[in-house]
């Protein structure tokens, strides 16, 4: 499974390592992902999602039901 947030679609970015001598080599900036279980009271079940930590902060603010509804509307979550 790729390193992509299941709720926001965040994925790795590409950039450069820059040395003191300004030499540039390609590198990858991975998304900060965590695997987390959530209880959804409307469906009365637990789900496990691989989400970014910024999405976790959004869930703490808005609630899991609202965030899942937005993700389904944006096409990120198909479950």
PDB file of N, CA and C in Angstrom:
ATOM      1  N   UNK A   1       0.844  -1.181   0.000  1.00  0.00           N
ATOM      2  CA  UNK A   1       0.000   0.000   0.000  1.00  0.00           C
ATOM      3  C   UNK A   1       0.888   1.242   0.000  1.00  0.00           C
ATOM      4  N   UNK A   2       0.525   2.231  -0.811  1.00  0.00           N
ATOM      5  CA  UNK A   2       1.343   3.424  -0.924  1.00  0.00           C
ATOM      6  C   UNK A   2       1.153   4.319   0.295  1.00  0.00           C
ATOM      7  N   UNK A   3       2.070   5.236   0.453  1.00  0.00           N
ATOM      8  CA  UNK A   3       2.018   6.145   1.586  1.00  0.00           C
ATOM      9  C   UNK A   3       1.181   7.371   1.222  1.00  0.00           C
ATOM     10  N   UNK A   4      -0.145   7.167   1.233  1.00  0.00           N
ATOM     11  CA  UNK A   4      -1.089   8.221   0.897  1.00  0.00           C
ATOM     12  C   UNK A   4      -2.147   8.269   1.994  1.00  0.00           C
ATOM     13  N   UNK A   5      -2.493   9.480   2.425  1.00  0.00           N
ATOM     14  CA  UNK A   5      -3.539   9.650   3.426  1.00  0.00           C
ATOM     15  C   UNK A   5      -4.879   9.269   2.814  1.00  0.00           C
ATOM     16  N   UNK A   6      -5.652   8.425   3.497  1.00  0.00           N
ATOM     17  CA  UNK A   6      -6.922   7.945   2.974  1.00  0.00           C
ATOM     18  C   UNK A   6      -8.032   8.990   3.071  1.00  0.00           C
ATOM     19  N   UNK A   7      -7.861  10.028   3.879  1.00  0.00           N
ATOM     20  CA  UNK A   7      -8.897  11.042   4.029  1.00  0.00           C
ATOM     21  C   UNK A   7      -8.610  12.315   3.247  1.00  0.00           C
ATOM     22  N   UNK A   8      -7.345  12.716   3.142  1.00  0.00           N
ATOM     23  CA  UNK A   8      -7.017  13.974   2.477  1.00  0.00           C
ATOM     24  C   UNK A   8      -6.300  13.786   1.150  1.00  0.00           C
ATOM     25  N   UNK A   9      -5.757  12.603   0.900  1.00  0.00           N
ATOM     26  CA  UNK A   9      -5.035  12.365  -0.347  1.00  0.00           C
ATOM     27  C   UNK A   9      -3.611  12.874  -0.348  1.00  0.00           C
ATOM     28  N   UNK A  10      -3.111  13.293   0.805  1.00  0.00           N
ATOM     29  CA  UNK A  10      -1.729  13.768   0.880  1.00  0.00           C
ATOM     30  C   UNK A  10      -0.782  12.630   0.559  1.00  0.00           C
ATOM     31  N   UNK A  11       0.286  12.944  -0.199  1.00  0.00           N
ATOM     32  CA  UNK A  11       1.275  11.935  -0.544  1.00  0.00           C
ATOM     33  C   UNK A  11       2.646  12.580  -0.585  1.00  0.00           C
ATOM     34  N   UNK A  12       3.659  11.804  -0.945  1.00  0.00           N
ATOM     35  CA  UNK A  12       5.033  12.275  -0.922  1.00  0.00           C
ATOM     36  C   UNK A  12       5.260  13.394  -1.930  1.00  0.00           C
ATOM     37  N   UNK A  13       6.141  14.326  -1.550  1.00  0.00           N
ATOM     38  CA  UNK A  13       6.569  15.398  -2.449  1.00  0.00           C
ATOM     39  C   UNK A  13       8.024  15.148  -2.818  1.00  0.00           C
ATOM     40  N   UNK A  14       8.466  15.744  -3.908  1.00  0.00           N
ATOM     41  CA  UNK A  14       9.843  15.590  -4.353  1.00  0.00           C
ATOM     42  C   UNK A  14      10.541  16.928  -4.233  1.00  0.00           C
ATOM     43  N   UNK A  15      11.797  16.880  -3.770  1.00  0.00           N
ATOM     44  CA  UNK A  15      12.579  18.101  -3.629  1.00  0.00           C
ATOM     45  C   UNK A  15      14.057  17.794  -3.711  1.00  0.00           C
ATOM     46  N   UNK A  16      14.854  18.693  -3.175  1.00  0.00           N
ATOM     47  CA  UNK A  16      16.304  18.554  -3.238  1.00  0.00           C
ATOM     48  C   UNK A  16      16.920  18.570  -1.857  1.00  0.00           C
ATOM     49  N   UNK A  17      17.973  17.741  -1.655  1.00  0.00           N
ATOM     50  CA  UNK A  17      18.895  17.932  -0.553  1.00  0.00           C
ATOM     51  C   UNK A  17      19.883  18.975  -1.023  1.00  0.00           C
ATOM     52  N   UNK A  18      20.104  20.013  -0.239  1.00  0.00           N
ATOM     53  CA  UNK A  18      21.032  21.066  -0.639  1.00  0.00           C
ATOM     54  C   UNK A  18      22.156  21.110   0.380  1.00  0.00           C
ATOM     55  N   UNK A  19      23.378  20.879  -0.099  1.00  0.00           N
ATOM     56  CA  UNK A  19      24.529  20.885   0.790  1.00  0.00           C
ATOM     57  C   UNK A  19      25.013  22.318   1.015  1.00  0.00           C
ATOM     58  N   UNK A  20      25.990  22.465   1.897  1.00  0.00           N
ATOM     59  CA  UNK A  20      26.572  23.780   2.179  1.00  0.00           C
ATOM     60  C   UNK A  20      27.190  24.366   0.914  1.00  0.00           C
ATOM     61  N   UNK A  21      27.713  23.513   0.044  1.00  0.00           N
ATOM     62  CA  UNK A  21      28.309  23.951  -1.221  1.00  0.00           C
ATOM     63  C   UNK A  21      27.253  24.120  -2.321  1.00  0.00           C
ATOM     64  N   UNK A  22      25.968  24.066  -1.945  1.00  0.00           N
ATOM     65  CA  UNK A  22      24.840  24.233  -2.856  1.00  0.00           C
ATOM     66  C   UNK A  22      24.726  23.124  -3.898  1.00  0.00           C
ATOM     67  N   UNK A  23      25.290  21.935  -3.606  1.00  0.00           N
ATOM     68  CA  UNK A  23      25.074  20.777  -4.464  1.00  0.00           C
ATOM     69  C   UNK A  23      23.662  20.268  -4.194  1.00  0.00           C
ATOM     70  N   UNK A  24      22.982  19.894  -5.256  1.00  0.00           N
ATOM     71  CA  UNK A  24      21.587  19.463  -5.105  1.00  0.00           C
ATOM     72  C   UNK A  24      21.435  18.026  -5.568  1.00  0.00           C
ATOM     73  N   UNK A  25      20.805  17.204  -4.713  1.00  0.00           N
ATOM     74  CA  UNK A  25      20.466  15.829  -5.068  1.00  0.00           C
ATOM     75  C   UNK A  25      18.997  15.612  -4.741  1.00  0.00           C
ATOM     76  N   UNK A  26      18.336  14.815  -5.560  1.00  0.00           N
ATOM     77  CA  UNK A  26      16.899  14.586  -5.380  1.00  0.00           C
ATOM     78  C   UNK A  26      16.616  13.823  -4.088  1.00  0.00           C
ATOM     79  N   UNK A  27      15.496  14.146  -3.471  1.00  0.00           N
ATOM     80  CA  UNK A  27      15.035  13.440  -2.292  1.00  0.00           C
ATOM     81  C   UNK A  27      13.514  13.450  -2.258  1.00  0.00           C
ATOM     82  N   UNK A  28      12.951  12.692  -1.334  1.00  0.00           N
ATOM     83  CA  UNK A  28      11.500  12.568  -1.214  1.00  0.00           C
ATOM     84  C   UNK A  28      11.075  13.012   0.182  1.00  0.00           C
ATOM     85  N   UNK A  29      10.041  13.817   0.248  1.00  0.00           N
ATOM     86  CA  UNK A  29       9.442  14.237   1.507  1.00  0.00           C
ATOM     87  C   UNK A  29       8.185  13.407   1.700  1.00  0.00           C
ATOM     88  N   UNK A  30       8.231  12.383   2.548  1.00  0.00           N
ATOM     89  CA  UNK A  30       7.071  11.529   2.794  1.00  0.00           C
ATOM     90  C   UNK A  30       6.055  12.242   3.681  1.00  0.00           C
ATOM     91  N   UNK A  31       4.797  11.906   3.498  1.00  0.00           N
ATOM     92  CA  UNK A  31       3.737  12.428   4.358  1.00  0.00           C
ATOM     93  C   UNK A  31       3.859  11.774   5.734  1.00  0.00           C
ATOM     94  N   UNK A  32       3.497  12.513   6.772  1.00  0.00           N
ATOM     95  CA  UNK A  32       3.557  12.010   8.142  1.00  0.00           C
ATOM     96  C   UNK A  32       2.269  11.229   8.421  1.00  0.00           C
ATOM     97  N   UNK A  33       2.324   9.897   8.209  1.00  0.00           N
ATOM     98  CA  UNK A  33       1.134   9.068   8.317  1.00  0.00           C
ATOM     99  C   UNK A  33       1.147   8.212   9.572  1.00  0.00           C
ATOM    100  N   UNK A  34      -0.037   7.994  10.118  1.00  0.00           N
ATOM    101  CA  UNK A  34      -0.224   7.092  11.254  1.00  0.00           C
ATOM    102  C   UNK A  34      -1.401   6.185  10.952  1.00  0.00           C
ATOM    103  N   UNK A  35      -1.365   4.971  11.509  1.00  0.00           N
ATOM    104  CA  UNK A  35      -2.473   4.029  11.368  1.00  0.00           C
ATOM    105  C   UNK A  35      -3.315   4.143  12.632  1.00  0.00           C
ATOM    106  N   UNK A  36      -4.609   4.405  12.470  1.00  0.00           N
ATOM    107  CA  UNK A  36      -5.460   4.709  13.621  1.00  0.00           C
ATOM    108  C   UNK A  36      -6.822   4.057  13.455  1.00  0.00           C
ATOM    109  N   UNK A  37      -7.365   3.519  14.552  1.00  0.00           N
ATOM    110  CA  UNK A  37      -8.709   2.942  14.562  1.00  0.00           C
ATOM    111  C   UNK A  37      -9.702   3.976  15.080  1.00  0.00           C
ATOM    112  N   UNK A  38     -10.861   4.040  14.421  1.00  0.00           N
ATOM    113  CA  UNK A  38     -11.919   4.956  14.821  1.00  0.00           C
ATOM    114  C   UNK A  38     -13.225   4.192  14.951  1.00  0.00           C
ATOM    115  N   UNK A  39     -14.023   4.592  15.931  1.00  0.00           N
ATOM    116  CA  UNK A  39     -15.355   4.022  16.104  1.00  0.00           C
ATOM    117  C   UNK A  39     -16.357   4.966  15.460  1.00  0.00           C
ATOM    118  N   UNK A  40     -17.206   4.431  14.594  1.00  0.00           N
ATOM    119  CA  UNK A  40     -18.233   5.226  13.933  1.00  0.00           C
ATOM    120  C   UNK A  40     -19.578   4.825  14.526  1.00  0.00           C
ATOM    121  N   UNK A  41     -20.173   5.681  15.353  1.00  0.00           N
ATOM    122  CA  UNK A  41     -21.412   5.304  16.031  1.00  0.00           C
ATOM    123  C   UNK A  41     -22.598   5.145  15.085  1.00  0.00           C
ATOM    124  N   UNK A  42     -22.646   5.887  13.963  1.00  0.00           N
ATOM    125  CA  UNK A  42     -23.767   5.774  13.029  1.00  0.00           C
ATOM    126  C   UNK A  42     -23.829   4.384  12.404  1.00  0.00           C
ATOM    127  N   UNK A  43     -22.652   3.810  12.094  1.00  0.00           N
ATOM    128  CA  UNK A  43     -22.590   2.492  11.472  1.00  0.00           C
ATOM    129  C   UNK A  43     -22.333   1.392  12.498  1.00  0.00           C
ATOM    130  N   UNK A  44     -22.084   1.780  13.739  1.00  0.00           N
ATOM    131  CA  UNK A  44     -21.816   0.860  14.849  1.00  0.00           C
ATOM    132  C   UNK A  44     -20.682  -0.108  14.514  1.00  0.00           C
ATOM    133  N   UNK A  45     -19.551   0.448  14.041  1.00  0.00           N
ATOM    134  CA  UNK A  45     -18.395  -0.406  13.734  1.00  0.00           C
ATOM    135  C   UNK A  45     -17.105   0.387  13.863  1.00  0.00           C
ATOM    136  N   UNK A  46     -16.004  -0.338  13.946  1.00  0.00           N
ATOM    137  CA  UNK A  46     -14.653   0.233  13.999  1.00  0.00           C
ATOM    138  C   UNK A  46     -14.052   0.181  12.602  1.00  0.00           C
ATOM    139  N   UNK A  47     -13.321   1.235  12.226  1.00  0.00           N
ATOM    140  CA  UNK A  47     -12.575   1.207  10.977  1.00  0.00           C
ATOM    141  C   UNK A  47     -11.127   1.608  11.256  1.00  0.00           C
ATOM    142  N   UNK A  48     -10.205   1.073  10.477  1.00  0.00           N
ATOM    143  CA  UNK A  48      -8.796   1.420  10.582  1.00  0.00           C
ATOM    144  C   UNK A  48      -8.414   2.222   9.351  1.00  0.00           C
ATOM    145  N   UNK A  49      -7.823   3.387   9.577  1.00  0.00           N
ATOM    146  CA  UNK A  49      -7.434   4.268   8.486  1.00  0.00           C
ATOM    147  C   UNK A  49      -5.955   4.617   8.604  1.00  0.00           C
ATOM    148  N   UNK A  50      -5.305   4.796   7.469  1.00  0.00           N
ATOM    149  CA  UNK A  50      -3.949   5.328   7.428  1.00  0.00           C
ATOM    150  C   UNK A  50      -4.085   6.801   7.052  1.00  0.00           C
ATOM    151  N   UNK A  51      -3.895   7.690   8.030  1.00  0.00           N
ATOM    152  CA  UNK A  51      -4.165   9.110   7.824  1.00  0.00           C
ATOM    153  C   UNK A  51      -2.948   9.948   8.193  1.00  0.00           C
ATOM    154  N   UNK A  52      -2.914  11.162   7.668  1.00  0.00           N
ATOM    155  CA  UNK A  52      -1.858  12.102   8.014  1.00  0.00           C
ATOM    156  C   UNK A  52      -2.168  12.697   9.391  1.00  0.00           C
ATOM    157  N   UNK A  53      -1.143  13.197  10.043  1.00  0.00           N
ATOM    158  CA  UNK A  53      -1.355  13.764  11.373  1.00  0.00           C
ATOM    159  C   UNK A  53      -2.174  15.044  11.298  1.00  0.00           C
ATOM    160  N   UNK A  54      -2.109  15.765  10.181  1.00  0.00           N
ATOM    161  CA  UNK A  54      -2.957  16.952  10.040  1.00  0.00           C
ATOM    162  C   UNK A  54      -4.423  16.543   9.919  1.00  0.00           C
ATOM    163  N   UNK A  55      -4.700  15.401   9.270  1.00  0.00           N
ATOM    164  CA  UNK A  55      -6.072  14.896   9.205  1.00  0.00           C
ATOM    165  C   UNK A  55      -6.554  14.470  10.585  1.00  0.00           C
ATOM    166  N   UNK A  56      -5.646  13.938  11.416  1.00  0.00           N
ATOM    167  CA  UNK A  56      -5.998  13.553  12.782  1.00  0.00           C
ATOM    168  C   UNK A  56      -6.416  14.779  13.595  1.00  0.00           C
ATOM    169  N   UNK A  57      -5.716  15.909  13.403  1.00  0.00           N
ATOM    170  CA  UNK A  57      -6.092  17.144  14.081  1.00  0.00           C
ATOM    171  C   UNK A  57      -7.458  17.628  13.609  1.00  0.00           C
ATOM    172  N   UNK A  58      -7.739  17.457  12.327  1.00  0.00           N
ATOM    173  CA  UNK A  58      -9.033  17.845  11.785  1.00  0.00           C
ATOM    174  C   UNK A  58     -10.141  16.982  12.365  1.00  0.00           C
ATOM    175  N   UNK A  59      -9.865  15.674  12.537  1.00  0.00           N
ATOM    176  CA  UNK A  59     -10.843  14.767  13.140  1.00  0.00           C
ATOM    177  C   UNK A  59     -11.120  15.168  14.587  1.00  0.00           C
ATOM    178  N   UNK A  60     -10.081  15.546  15.312  1.00  0.00           N
ATOM    179  CA  UNK A  60     -10.273  15.991  16.698  1.00  0.00           C
ATOM    180  C   UNK A  60     -11.131  17.254  16.766  1.00  0.00           C
ATOM    181  N   UNK A  61     -11.034  18.094  15.731  1.00  0.00           N
ATOM    182  CA  UNK A  61     -11.775  19.348  15.720  1.00  0.00           C
ATOM    183  C   UNK A  61     -13.216  19.154  15.248  1.00  0.00           C
ATOM    184  N   UNK A  62     -13.412  18.477  14.108  1.00  0.00           N
ATOM    185  CA  UNK A  62     -14.734  18.368  13.491  1.00  0.00           C
ATOM    186  C   UNK A  62     -15.491  17.113  13.865  1.00  0.00           C
ATOM    187  N   UNK A  63     -14.772  16.027  14.179  1.00  0.00           N
ATOM    188  CA  UNK A  63     -15.401  14.741  14.449  1.00  0.00           C
ATOM    189  C   UNK A  63     -15.230  13.813  13.269  1.00  0.00           C
ATOM    190  N   UNK A  64     -15.179  12.508  13.543  1.00  0.00           N
ATOM    191  CA  UNK A  64     -14.890  11.517  12.520  1.00  0.00           C
ATOM    192  C   UNK A  64     -15.998  11.448  11.477  1.00  0.00           C
ATOM    193  N   UNK A  65     -17.247  11.594  11.875  1.00  0.00           N
ATOM    194  CA  UNK A  65     -18.368  11.472  10.929  1.00  0.00           C
ATOM    195  C   UNK A  65     -18.326  12.567   9.874  1.00  0.00           C
ATOM    196  N   UNK A  66     -18.066  13.806  10.287  1.00  0.00           N
ATOM    197  CA  UNK A  66     -18.020  14.926   9.350  1.00  0.00           C
ATOM    198  C   UNK A  66     -16.848  14.794   8.390  1.00  0.00           C
ATOM    199  N   UNK A  67     -15.703  14.352   8.896  1.00  0.00           N
ATOM    200  CA  UNK A  67     -14.513  14.226   8.059  1.00  0.00           C
ATOM    201  C   UNK A  67     -14.683  13.094   7.046  1.00  0.00           C
ATOM    202  N   UNK A  68     -15.295  11.983   7.461  1.00  0.00           N
ATOM    203  CA  UNK A  68     -15.533  10.873   6.529  1.00  0.00           C
ATOM    204  C   UNK A  68     -16.530  11.297   5.447  1.00  0.00           C
ATOM    205  N   UNK A  69     -17.544  12.078   5.826  1.00  0.00           N
ATOM    206  CA  UNK A  69     -18.512  12.563   4.838  1.00  0.00           C
ATOM    207  C   UNK A  69     -17.824  13.448   3.794  1.00  0.00           C
ATOM    208  N   UNK A  70     -16.908  14.334   4.233  1.00  0.00           N
ATOM    209  CA  UNK A  70     -16.165  15.183   3.307  1.00  0.00           C
ATOM    210  C   UNK A  70     -15.240  14.369   2.407  1.00  0.00           C
ATOM    211  N   UNK A  71     -14.584  13.345   2.982  1.00  0.00           N
ATOM    212  CA  UNK A  71     -13.673  12.519   2.199  1.00  0.00           C
ATOM    213  C   UNK A  71     -14.435  11.739   1.125  1.00  0.00           C
ATOM    214  N   UNK A  72     -15.600  11.238   1.452  1.00  0.00           N
ATOM    215  CA  UNK A  72     -16.411  10.532   0.454  1.00  0.00           C
ATOM    216  C   UNK A  72     -16.881  11.487  -0.632  1.00  0.00           C
ATOM    217  N   UNK A  73     -17.217  12.722  -0.276  1.00  0.00           N
ATOM    218  CA  UNK A  73     -17.641  13.713  -1.273  1.00  0.00           C
ATOM    219  C   UNK A  73     -16.496  14.085  -2.205  1.00  0.00           C
ATOM    220  N   UNK A  74     -15.265  14.105  -1.667  1.00  0.00           N
ATOM    221  CA  UNK A  74     -14.100  14.443  -2.483  1.00  0.00           C
ATOM    222  C   UNK A  74     -13.535  13.245  -3.230  1.00  0.00           C
ATOM    223  N   UNK A  75     -14.050  12.051  -2.960  1.00  0.00           N
ATOM    224  CA  UNK A  75     -13.622  10.871  -3.696  1.00  0.00           C
ATOM    225  C   UNK A  75     -12.415  10.159  -3.123  1.00  0.00           C
ATOM    226  N   UNK A  76     -11.999  10.475  -1.900  1.00  0.00           N
ATOM    227  CA  UNK A  76     -10.841   9.840  -1.309  1.00  0.00           C
ATOM    228  C   UNK A  76     -11.182   8.547  -0.608  1.00  0.00           C
ATOM    229  N   UNK A  77     -12.331   8.454   0.013  1.00  0.00           N
ATOM    230  CA  UNK A  77     -12.727   7.281   0.774  1.00  0.00           C
ATOM    231  C   UNK A  77     -13.904   6.634   0.071  1.00  0.00           C
ATOM    232  N   UNK A  78     -13.730   5.368  -0.312  1.00  0.00           N
ATOM    233  CA  UNK A  78     -14.792   4.692  -1.062  1.00  0.00           C
ATOM    234  C   UNK A  78     -15.494   3.618  -0.250  1.00  0.00           C
ATOM    235  N   UNK A  79     -15.077   3.389   0.997  1.00  0.00           N
ATOM    236  CA  UNK A  79     -15.656   2.327   1.819  1.00  0.00           C
ATOM    237  C   UNK A  79     -17.077   2.663   2.217  1.00  0.00           C
TER     238      UNK A  79
END
